């Protein structure tokens, strides 16, 4: 295997247990197996890749959901492997920590950009290149959120490789200086590697914790409450937005100069 495309064609089925021809043209990406489980229950479709690094499910309309795991390295991996399918659009349904006092648990964030604090994306583009979504894709998502009579926030996400930082006052002081609205581990990487691979991409993030204060640090109990209350809506908005894009057949790809 000499080319990136040849490697991706071999590795995407190997990582997911899913033949290339079964992937849809539009996809939802997530970090969580319960999103895939819920998707399969809604559409009565099979979960592929159980026991493998990534799991997928595809409904009868050709919409695929992929659980690629946690962290920027996994985010880069899935966006590289997806060149084997060359999807017309992907939407990341992730969770993030809220960094603003106006951001509450259960809020949705539609990021306008992400700061590349994770390091992984440096292997793909110079640091000066901003990590940004495909705005036309975000327009479809915004419309669906509004149709559900739900408020959402926009702003910049800080993406980091650090998993346990909530105790670090120096790092939290640094975050306050950046005026970011949320923090996660994948968004910037997905945006940059999507740009490199010419994959239209977006992200709809659910605020699952408030890590700037001790009582807001995520616990197992807190995460369960967030899932019980907000997972269904989070997933439903993603399904409706990507399904509508597919049905309308509108191109959402950025053009290169």
C-alpha atoms as a PDB file:
ATOM      1  CA  UNK A   1       0.000   0.000   0.000  1.00  0.00           C
ATOM      2  CA  UNK A   2       1.817   3.063  -1.301  1.00  0.00           C
ATOM      3  CA  UNK A   3      -0.767   5.847  -1.075  1.00  0.00           C
ATOM      4  CA  UNK A   4      -2.867   7.351   1.701  1.00  0.00           C
ATOM      5  CA  UNK A   5      -6.009   6.339  -0.196  1.00  0.00           C
ATOM      6  CA  UNK A   6      -4.891   2.711  -0.449  1.00  0.00           C
ATOM      7  CA  UNK A   7      -4.185   2.608   3.288  1.00  0.00           C
ATOM      8  CA  UNK A   8      -7.543   4.214   4.146  1.00  0.00           C
ATOM      9  CA  UNK A   9      -9.442   1.751   1.933  1.00  0.00           C
ATOM     10  CA  UNK A  10      -7.890  -1.111   3.882  1.00  0.00           C
ATOM     11  CA  UNK A  11      -7.982   0.398   7.351  1.00  0.00           C
ATOM     12  CA  UNK A  12     -11.481   1.908   7.482  1.00  0.00           C
ATOM     13  CA  UNK A  13     -13.191  -1.514   7.234  1.00  0.00           C
ATOM     14  CA  UNK A  14     -10.550  -3.003   9.552  1.00  0.00           C
ATOM     15  CA  UNK A  15     -11.147  -0.397  12.258  1.00  0.00           C
ATOM     16  CA  UNK A  16     -14.952  -0.430  11.969  1.00  0.00           C
ATOM     17  CA  UNK A  17     -15.913  -3.904  10.806  1.00  0.00           C
ATOM     18  CA  UNK A  18     -17.939  -2.190   8.088  1.00  0.00           C
ATOM     19  CA  UNK A  19     -17.476  -2.679   4.314  1.00  0.00           C
ATOM     20  CA  UNK A  20     -16.818   0.533   2.407  1.00  0.00           C
ATOM     21  CA  UNK A  21     -19.986   0.203   0.348  1.00  0.00           C
ATOM     22  CA  UNK A  22     -22.118   0.264   3.516  1.00  0.00           C
ATOM     23  CA  UNK A  23     -21.011   3.739   4.601  1.00  0.00           C
ATOM     24  CA  UNK A  24     -23.410   6.542   3.716  1.00  0.00           C
ATOM     25  CA  UNK A  25     -22.538   9.782   1.949  1.00  0.00           C
ATOM     26  CA  UNK A  26     -23.485  11.726   5.083  1.00  0.00           C
ATOM     27  CA  UNK A  27     -22.276  10.825   8.558  1.00  0.00           C
ATOM     28  CA  UNK A  28     -22.587  11.590  12.232  1.00  0.00           C
ATOM     29  CA  UNK A  29     -19.437  11.225  14.314  1.00  0.00           C
ATOM     30  CA  UNK A  30     -19.460  10.681  18.064  1.00  0.00           C
ATOM     31  CA  UNK A  31     -17.245   9.616  20.976  1.00  0.00           C
ATOM     32  CA  UNK A  32     -19.880   7.565  22.702  1.00  0.00           C
ATOM     33  CA  UNK A  33     -21.202   4.062  22.132  1.00  0.00           C
ATOM     34  CA  UNK A  34     -24.619   4.938  23.582  1.00  0.00           C
ATOM     35  CA  UNK A  35     -25.192   7.359  20.683  1.00  0.00           C
ATOM     36  CA  UNK A  36     -24.654   4.491  18.252  1.00  0.00           C
ATOM     37  CA  UNK A  37     -26.907   2.225  20.324  1.00  0.00           C
ATOM     38  CA  UNK A  38     -29.691   4.813  20.384  1.00  0.00           C
ATOM     39  CA  UNK A  39     -29.325   5.383  16.618  1.00  0.00           C
ATOM     40  CA  UNK A  40     -29.622   1.645  15.963  1.00  0.00           C
ATOM     41  CA  UNK A  41     -32.746   1.461  18.140  1.00  0.00           C
ATOM     42  CA  UNK A  42     -34.401   4.379  16.352  1.00  0.00           C
ATOM     43  CA  UNK A  43     -33.830   2.908  12.892  1.00  0.00           C
ATOM     44  CA  UNK A  44     -33.725  -0.797  13.787  1.00  0.00           C
ATOM     45  CA  UNK A  45     -30.332  -1.180  12.115  1.00  0.00           C
ATOM     46  CA  UNK A  46     -27.337  -3.335  12.968  1.00  0.00           C
ATOM     47  CA  UNK A  47     -24.311  -2.085  14.902  1.00  0.00           C
ATOM     48  CA  UNK A  48     -21.099  -3.068  13.133  1.00  0.00           C
ATOM     49  CA  UNK A  49     -17.616  -3.198  14.624  1.00  0.00           C
ATOM     50  CA  UNK A  50     -18.443  -4.399  18.134  1.00  0.00           C
ATOM     51  CA  UNK A  51     -15.108  -5.387  19.670  1.00  0.00           C
ATOM     52  CA  UNK A  52     -13.184  -3.210  17.208  1.00  0.00           C
ATOM     53  CA  UNK A  53     -11.754   0.293  17.800  1.00  0.00           C
ATOM     54  CA  UNK A  54     -14.766   1.956  16.146  1.00  0.00           C
ATOM     55  CA  UNK A  55     -18.448   1.082  15.761  1.00  0.00           C
ATOM     56  CA  UNK A  56     -20.928   2.114  13.080  1.00  0.00           C
ATOM     57  CA  UNK A  57     -24.594   1.889  12.202  1.00  0.00           C
ATOM     58  CA  UNK A  58     -26.303   2.947   8.971  1.00  0.00           C
ATOM     59  CA  UNK A  59     -30.029   3.519   8.502  1.00  0.00           C
ATOM     60  CA  UNK A  60     -32.132   2.736   5.429  1.00  0.00           C
ATOM     61  CA  UNK A  61     -31.690   6.307   4.155  1.00  0.00           C
ATOM     62  CA  UNK A  62     -27.925   5.892   4.045  1.00  0.00           C
ATOM     63  CA  UNK A  63     -27.037   8.005   7.082  1.00  0.00           C
ATOM     64  CA  UNK A  64     -24.113   6.505   9.002  1.00  0.00           C
ATOM     65  CA  UNK A  65     -23.057   7.123  12.599  1.00  0.00           C
ATOM     66  CA  UNK A  66     -19.492   6.336  13.721  1.00  0.00           C
ATOM     67  CA  UNK A  67     -18.136   6.121  17.259  1.00  0.00           C
ATOM     68  CA  UNK A  68     -14.442   6.890  16.718  1.00  0.00           C
ATOM     69  CA  UNK A  69     -13.391   7.081  20.363  1.00  0.00           C
ATOM     70  CA  UNK A  70     -12.028   9.886  22.518  1.00  0.00           C
ATOM     71  CA  UNK A  71      -9.216  12.330  21.812  1.00  0.00           C
ATOM     72  CA  UNK A  72      -7.572  14.264  19.026  1.00  0.00           C
ATOM     73  CA  UNK A  73      -5.499  11.327  17.770  1.00  0.00           C
ATOM     74  CA  UNK A  74      -8.660   9.301  17.164  1.00  0.00           C
ATOM     75  CA  UNK A  75     -10.330  12.348  15.591  1.00  0.00           C
ATOM     76  CA  UNK A  76      -7.471  12.674  13.112  1.00  0.00           C
ATOM     77  CA  UNK A  77      -7.561   8.942  12.410  1.00  0.00           C
ATOM     78  CA  UNK A  78     -11.234   8.828  11.466  1.00  0.00           C
ATOM     79  CA  UNK A  79     -10.993  11.943   9.292  1.00  0.00           C
ATOM     80  CA  UNK A  80      -8.021  10.427   7.478  1.00  0.00           C
ATOM     81  CA  UNK A  81      -9.700   7.051   7.025  1.00  0.00           C
ATOM     82  CA  UNK A  82     -12.901   8.626   5.697  1.00  0.00           C
ATOM     83  CA  UNK A  83     -11.115   9.610   2.484  1.00  0.00           C
ATOM     84  CA  UNK A  84     -11.788   6.003   1.467  1.00  0.00           C
ATOM     85  CA  UNK A  85     -15.478   6.965   1.305  1.00  0.00           C
ATOM     86  CA  UNK A  86     -15.143  10.708   0.635  1.00  0.00           C
ATOM     87  CA  UNK A  87     -18.351  11.672   2.483  1.00  0.00           C
ATOM     88  CA  UNK A  88     -20.348  14.675   1.339  1.00  0.00           C
ATOM     89  CA  UNK A  89     -20.688  15.901   4.911  1.00  0.00           C
ATOM     90  CA  UNK A  90     -19.935  14.859   8.500  1.00  0.00           C
ATOM     91  CA  UNK A  91     -21.296  16.300  11.746  1.00  0.00           C
ATOM     92  CA  UNK A  92     -19.578  15.702  15.074  1.00  0.00           C
ATOM     93  CA  UNK A  93     -21.965  15.189  17.998  1.00  0.00           C
ATOM     94  CA  UNK A  94     -19.646  15.697  20.939  1.00  0.00           C
ATOM     95  CA  UNK A  95     -19.658  16.932  24.500  1.00  0.00           C
ATOM     96  CA  UNK A  96     -17.676  19.813  25.924  1.00  0.00           C
ATOM     97  CA  UNK A  97     -17.009  21.644  29.138  1.00  0.00           C
ATOM     98  CA  UNK A  98     -18.588  25.071  29.461  1.00  0.00           C
ATOM     99  CA  UNK A  99     -16.104  27.867  30.205  1.00  0.00           C
ATOM    100  CA  UNK A 100     -18.445  30.869  30.433  1.00  0.00           C
ATOM    101  CA  UNK A 101     -20.828  31.769  33.238  1.00  0.00           C
ATOM    102  CA  UNK A 102     -23.529  32.132  30.580  1.00  0.00           C
ATOM    103  CA  UNK A 103     -22.977  28.552  29.435  1.00  0.00           C
ATOM    104  CA  UNK A 104     -25.018  25.994  31.355  1.00  0.00           C
ATOM    105  CA  UNK A 105     -25.142  22.221  31.386  1.00  0.00           C
ATOM    106  CA  UNK A 106     -27.465  21.116  28.608  1.00  0.00           C
ATOM    107  CA  UNK A 107     -26.707  24.073  26.329  1.00  0.00           C
ATOM    108  CA  UNK A 108     -25.850  23.350  22.708  1.00  0.00           C
ATOM    109  CA  UNK A 109     -22.837  25.033  21.154  1.00  0.00           C
ATOM    110  CA  UNK A 110     -22.415  25.478  17.419  1.00  0.00           C
ATOM    111  CA  UNK A 111     -18.731  26.482  17.249  1.00  0.00           C
ATOM    112  CA  UNK A 112     -17.624  29.118  14.763  1.00  0.00           C
ATOM    113  CA  UNK A 113     -14.006  27.985  15.169  1.00  0.00           C
ATOM    114  CA  UNK A 114     -11.686  26.045  17.448  1.00  0.00           C
ATOM    115  CA  UNK A 115      -8.290  26.894  18.921  1.00  0.00           C
ATOM    116  CA  UNK A 116      -5.698  24.256  18.122  1.00  0.00           C
ATOM    117  CA  UNK A 117      -4.306  23.524  21.562  1.00  0.00           C
ATOM    118  CA  UNK A 118      -4.173  19.774  21.014  1.00  0.00           C
ATOM    119  CA  UNK A 119      -1.009  19.559  18.907  1.00  0.00           C
ATOM    120  CA  UNK A 120      -2.255  16.784  16.625  1.00  0.00           C
ATOM    121  CA  UNK A 121      -3.404  19.181  13.934  1.00  0.00           C
ATOM    122  CA  UNK A 122       0.115  20.648  13.723  1.00  0.00           C
ATOM    123  CA  UNK A 123       1.065  17.591  11.688  1.00  0.00           C
ATOM    124  CA  UNK A 124      -1.487  18.609   9.050  1.00  0.00           C
ATOM    125  CA  UNK A 125      -1.419  22.393   8.705  1.00  0.00           C
ATOM    126  CA  UNK A 126       0.735  25.311   9.886  1.00  0.00           C
ATOM    127  CA  UNK A 127      -0.330  26.692  13.252  1.00  0.00           C
ATOM    128  CA  UNK A 128      -1.605  29.892  11.621  1.00  0.00           C
ATOM    129  CA  UNK A 129      -4.368  28.057   9.742  1.00  0.00           C
ATOM    130  CA  UNK A 130      -7.630  28.441  11.698  1.00  0.00           C
ATOM    131  CA  UNK A 131      -9.737  25.394  12.550  1.00  0.00           C
ATOM    132  CA  UNK A 132     -13.155  26.163  11.123  1.00  0.00           C
ATOM    133  CA  UNK A 133     -16.321  24.289  10.157  1.00  0.00           C
ATOM    134  CA  UNK A 134     -18.167  24.299   6.846  1.00  0.00           C
ATOM    135  CA  UNK A 135     -20.608  27.116   7.504  1.00  0.00           C
ATOM    136  CA  UNK A 136     -23.309  25.907   5.116  1.00  0.00           C
ATOM    137  CA  UNK A 137     -23.495  22.654   7.063  1.00  0.00           C
ATOM    138  CA  UNK A 138     -23.856  24.626  10.286  1.00  0.00           C
ATOM    139  CA  UNK A 139     -26.727  26.583   8.757  1.00  0.00           C
ATOM    140  CA  UNK A 140     -28.729  23.360   8.387  1.00  0.00           C
ATOM    141  CA  UNK A 141     -27.933  22.428  11.995  1.00  0.00           C
ATOM    142  CA  UNK A 142     -28.898  25.897  13.246  1.00  0.00           C
ATOM    143  CA  UNK A 143     -32.243  25.690  11.450  1.00  0.00           C
ATOM    144  CA  UNK A 144     -33.006  22.351  13.094  1.00  0.00           C
ATOM    145  CA  UNK A 145     -32.125  23.591  16.561  1.00  0.00           C
ATOM    146  CA  UNK A 146     -34.466  26.553  16.098  1.00  0.00           C
ATOM    147  CA  UNK A 147     -37.259  24.259  14.847  1.00  0.00           C
ATOM    148  CA  UNK A 148     -37.003  22.410  18.152  1.00  0.00           C
ATOM    149  CA  UNK A 149     -37.425  25.735  20.014  1.00  0.00           C
ATOM    150  CA  UNK A 150     -34.066  25.282  21.693  1.00  0.00           C
ATOM    151  CA  UNK A 151     -31.542  28.015  22.381  1.00  0.00           C
ATOM    152  CA  UNK A 152     -27.937  27.519  21.416  1.00  0.00           C
ATOM    153  CA  UNK A 153     -24.629  29.303  21.807  1.00  0.00           C
ATOM    154  CA  UNK A 154     -21.937  30.151  19.281  1.00  0.00           C
ATOM    155  CA  UNK A 155     -18.307  30.861  20.004  1.00  0.00           C
ATOM    156  CA  UNK A 156     -14.813  29.447  19.903  1.00  0.00           C
ATOM    157  CA  UNK A 157     -13.910  26.052  21.367  1.00  0.00           C
ATOM    158  CA  UNK A 158     -10.520  25.298  22.869  1.00  0.00           C
ATOM    159  CA  UNK A 159      -9.340  21.807  21.912  1.00  0.00           C
ATOM    160  CA  UNK A 160      -6.718  20.187  24.134  1.00  0.00           C
ATOM    161  CA  UNK A 161      -4.943  16.853  24.500  1.00  0.00           C
ATOM    162  CA  UNK A 162      -5.063  17.130  28.275  1.00  0.00           C
ATOM    163  CA  UNK A 163      -7.657  14.901  29.870  1.00  0.00           C
ATOM    164  CA  UNK A 164      -7.125  15.699  33.557  1.00  0.00           C
ATOM    165  CA  UNK A 165      -6.542  19.430  33.964  1.00  0.00           C
ATOM    166  CA  UNK A 166      -9.436  20.576  36.152  1.00  0.00           C
ATOM    167  CA  UNK A 167      -7.118  20.880  39.176  1.00  0.00           C
ATOM    168  CA  UNK A 168      -4.614  23.111  37.347  1.00  0.00           C
ATOM    169  CA  UNK A 169      -5.293  26.750  38.291  1.00  0.00           C
ATOM    170  CA  UNK A 170      -2.560  28.018  35.970  1.00  0.00           C
ATOM    171  CA  UNK A 171      -4.171  26.315  32.973  1.00  0.00           C
ATOM    172  CA  UNK A 172      -7.624  27.583  33.945  1.00  0.00           C
ATOM    173  CA  UNK A 173      -6.267  31.133  34.178  1.00  0.00           C
ATOM    174  CA  UNK A 174      -4.869  30.694  30.660  1.00  0.00           C
ATOM    175  CA  UNK A 175      -8.250  29.527  29.371  1.00  0.00           C
ATOM    176  CA  UNK A 176      -9.926  32.644  30.787  1.00  0.00           C
ATOM    177  CA  UNK A 177      -7.544  34.817  28.770  1.00  0.00           C
ATOM    178  CA  UNK A 178      -8.671  33.163  25.520  1.00  0.00           C
ATOM    179  CA  UNK A 179     -12.378  34.106  25.816  1.00  0.00           C
ATOM    180  CA  UNK A 180     -13.373  30.640  24.658  1.00  0.00           C
ATOM    181  CA  UNK A 181     -16.874  29.352  25.288  1.00  0.00           C
ATOM    182  CA  UNK A 182     -16.057  25.660  25.733  1.00  0.00           C
ATOM    183  CA  UNK A 183     -13.310  23.058  25.864  1.00  0.00           C
ATOM    184  CA  UNK A 184     -13.068  19.606  24.299  1.00  0.00           C
ATOM    185  CA  UNK A 185     -10.528  17.172  22.839  1.00  0.00           C
ATOM    186  CA  UNK A 186     -11.597  16.719  19.215  1.00  0.00           C
ATOM    187  CA  UNK A 187     -13.217  19.677  17.441  1.00  0.00           C
ATOM    188  CA  UNK A 188     -10.117  21.523  16.193  1.00  0.00           C
ATOM    189  CA  UNK A 189      -8.579  18.284  14.947  1.00  0.00           C
ATOM    190  CA  UNK A 190     -11.730  17.283  13.091  1.00  0.00           C
ATOM    191  CA  UNK A 191     -11.935  20.695  11.446  1.00  0.00           C
ATOM    192  CA  UNK A 192      -8.284  20.807  10.341  1.00  0.00           C
ATOM    193  CA  UNK A 193      -8.004  17.216   9.105  1.00  0.00           C
ATOM    194  CA  UNK A 194     -11.368  17.636   7.405  1.00  0.00           C
ATOM    195  CA  UNK A 195      -9.975  20.698   5.645  1.00  0.00           C
ATOM    196  CA  UNK A 196      -6.877  18.815   4.507  1.00  0.00           C
ATOM    197  CA  UNK A 197      -8.951  15.893   3.227  1.00  0.00           C
ATOM    198  CA  UNK A 198     -11.594  18.160   1.667  1.00  0.00           C
ATOM    199  CA  UNK A 199     -14.402  16.734   3.792  1.00  0.00           C
ATOM    200  CA  UNK A 200     -17.243  19.149   4.669  1.00  0.00           C
ATOM    201  CA  UNK A 201     -17.527  19.088   8.458  1.00  0.00           C
ATOM    202  CA  UNK A 202     -19.302  20.595  11.403  1.00  0.00           C
ATOM    203  CA  UNK A 203     -19.837  20.094  15.123  1.00  0.00           C
ATOM    204  CA  UNK A 204     -22.779  20.346  17.485  1.00  0.00           C
ATOM    205  CA  UNK A 205     -21.488  20.189  21.046  1.00  0.00           C
ATOM    206  CA  UNK A 206     -23.471  19.499  24.209  1.00  0.00           C
ATOM    207  CA  UNK A 207     -22.263  21.173  27.395  1.00  0.00           C
ATOM    208  CA  UNK A 208     -21.893  18.280  29.829  1.00  0.00           C
ATOM    209  CA  UNK A 209     -19.935  19.881  32.684  1.00  0.00           C
ATOM    210  CA  UNK A 210     -18.575  23.162  34.060  1.00  0.00           C
ATOM    211  CA  UNK A 211     -14.916  22.345  34.753  1.00  0.00           C
ATOM    212  CA  UNK A 212     -13.792  25.817  35.846  1.00  0.00           C
ATOM    213  CA  UNK A 213     -15.364  25.322  39.288  1.00  0.00           C
ATOM    214  CA  UNK A 214     -14.843  22.285  41.566  1.00  0.00           C
ATOM    215  CA  UNK A 215     -18.549  21.493  41.852  1.00  0.00           C
ATOM    216  CA  UNK A 216     -18.854  21.524  38.054  1.00  0.00           C
ATOM    217  CA  UNK A 217     -16.213  18.887  37.315  1.00  0.00           C
ATOM    218  CA  UNK A 218     -17.816  15.943  35.549  1.00  0.00           C
ATOM    219  CA  UNK A 219     -18.748  12.909  37.602  1.00  0.00           C
ATOM    220  CA  UNK A 220     -20.365   9.635  36.607  1.00  0.00           C
ATOM    221  CA  UNK A 221     -23.643  10.747  38.158  1.00  0.00           C
ATOM    222  CA  UNK A 222     -23.556  14.078  36.319  1.00  0.00           C
ATOM    223  CA  UNK A 223     -22.817  12.416  32.990  1.00  0.00           C
ATOM    224  CA  UNK A 224     -25.745  10.030  33.451  1.00  0.00           C
ATOM    225  CA  UNK A 225     -28.116  12.930  34.122  1.00  0.00           C
ATOM    226  CA  UNK A 226     -26.902  14.750  31.006  1.00  0.00           C
ATOM    227  CA  UNK A 227     -27.418  11.655  28.872  1.00  0.00           C
ATOM    228  CA  UNK A 228     -30.868  10.967  30.308  1.00  0.00           C
ATOM    229  CA  UNK A 229     -32.027  14.525  29.708  1.00  0.00           C
ATOM    230  CA  UNK A 230     -30.276  15.678  26.530  1.00  0.00           C
ATOM    231  CA  UNK A 231     -28.854  12.742  24.509  1.00  0.00           C
ATOM    232  CA  UNK A 232     -32.044  12.048  22.561  1.00  0.00           C
ATOM    233  CA  UNK A 233     -32.445  15.660  21.429  1.00  0.00           C
ATOM    234  CA  UNK A 234     -28.748  16.013  20.587  1.00  0.00           C
ATOM    235  CA  UNK A 235     -28.890  12.952  18.377  1.00  0.00           C
ATOM    236  CA  UNK A 236     -32.251  13.870  16.849  1.00  0.00           C
ATOM    237  CA  UNK A 237     -31.057  17.303  15.749  1.00  0.00           C
ATOM    238  CA  UNK A 238     -28.014  15.729  14.113  1.00  0.00           C
ATOM    239  CA  UNK A 239     -30.115  13.113  12.324  1.00  0.00           C
ATOM    240  CA  UNK A 240     -32.591  15.680  11.031  1.00  0.00           C
ATOM    241  CA  UNK A 241     -29.930  18.130   9.852  1.00  0.00           C
ATOM    242  CA  UNK A 242     -27.856  15.584   7.943  1.00  0.00           C
ATOM    243  CA  UNK A 243     -30.941  13.889   6.501  1.00  0.00           C
ATOM    244  CA  UNK A 244     -32.245  17.207   5.183  1.00  0.00           C
ATOM    245  CA  UNK A 245     -28.905  18.055   3.585  1.00  0.00           C
ATOM    246  CA  UNK A 246     -28.962  14.680   1.849  1.00  0.00           C
ATOM    247  CA  UNK A 247     -32.559  15.100   0.680  1.00  0.00           C
ATOM    248  CA  UNK A 248     -31.981  18.594  -0.681  1.00  0.00           C
ATOM    249  CA  UNK A 249     -28.767  17.545  -2.363  1.00  0.00           C
ATOM    250  CA  UNK A 250     -27.084  20.886  -1.723  1.00  0.00           C
ATOM    251  CA  UNK A 251     -23.308  21.028  -2.046  1.00  0.00           C
ATOM    252  CA  UNK A 252     -21.660  22.148   1.203  1.00  0.00           C
ATOM    253  CA  UNK A 253     -18.041  21.765   0.210  1.00  0.00           C
ATOM    254  CA  UNK A 254     -15.637  24.697   0.469  1.00  0.00           C
ATOM    255  CA  UNK A 255     -13.979  25.729  -2.772  1.00  0.00           C
ATOM    256  CA  UNK A 256     -10.218  26.068  -3.031  1.00  0.00           C
ATOM    257  CA  UNK A 257      -8.527  29.104  -4.500  1.00  0.00           C
END
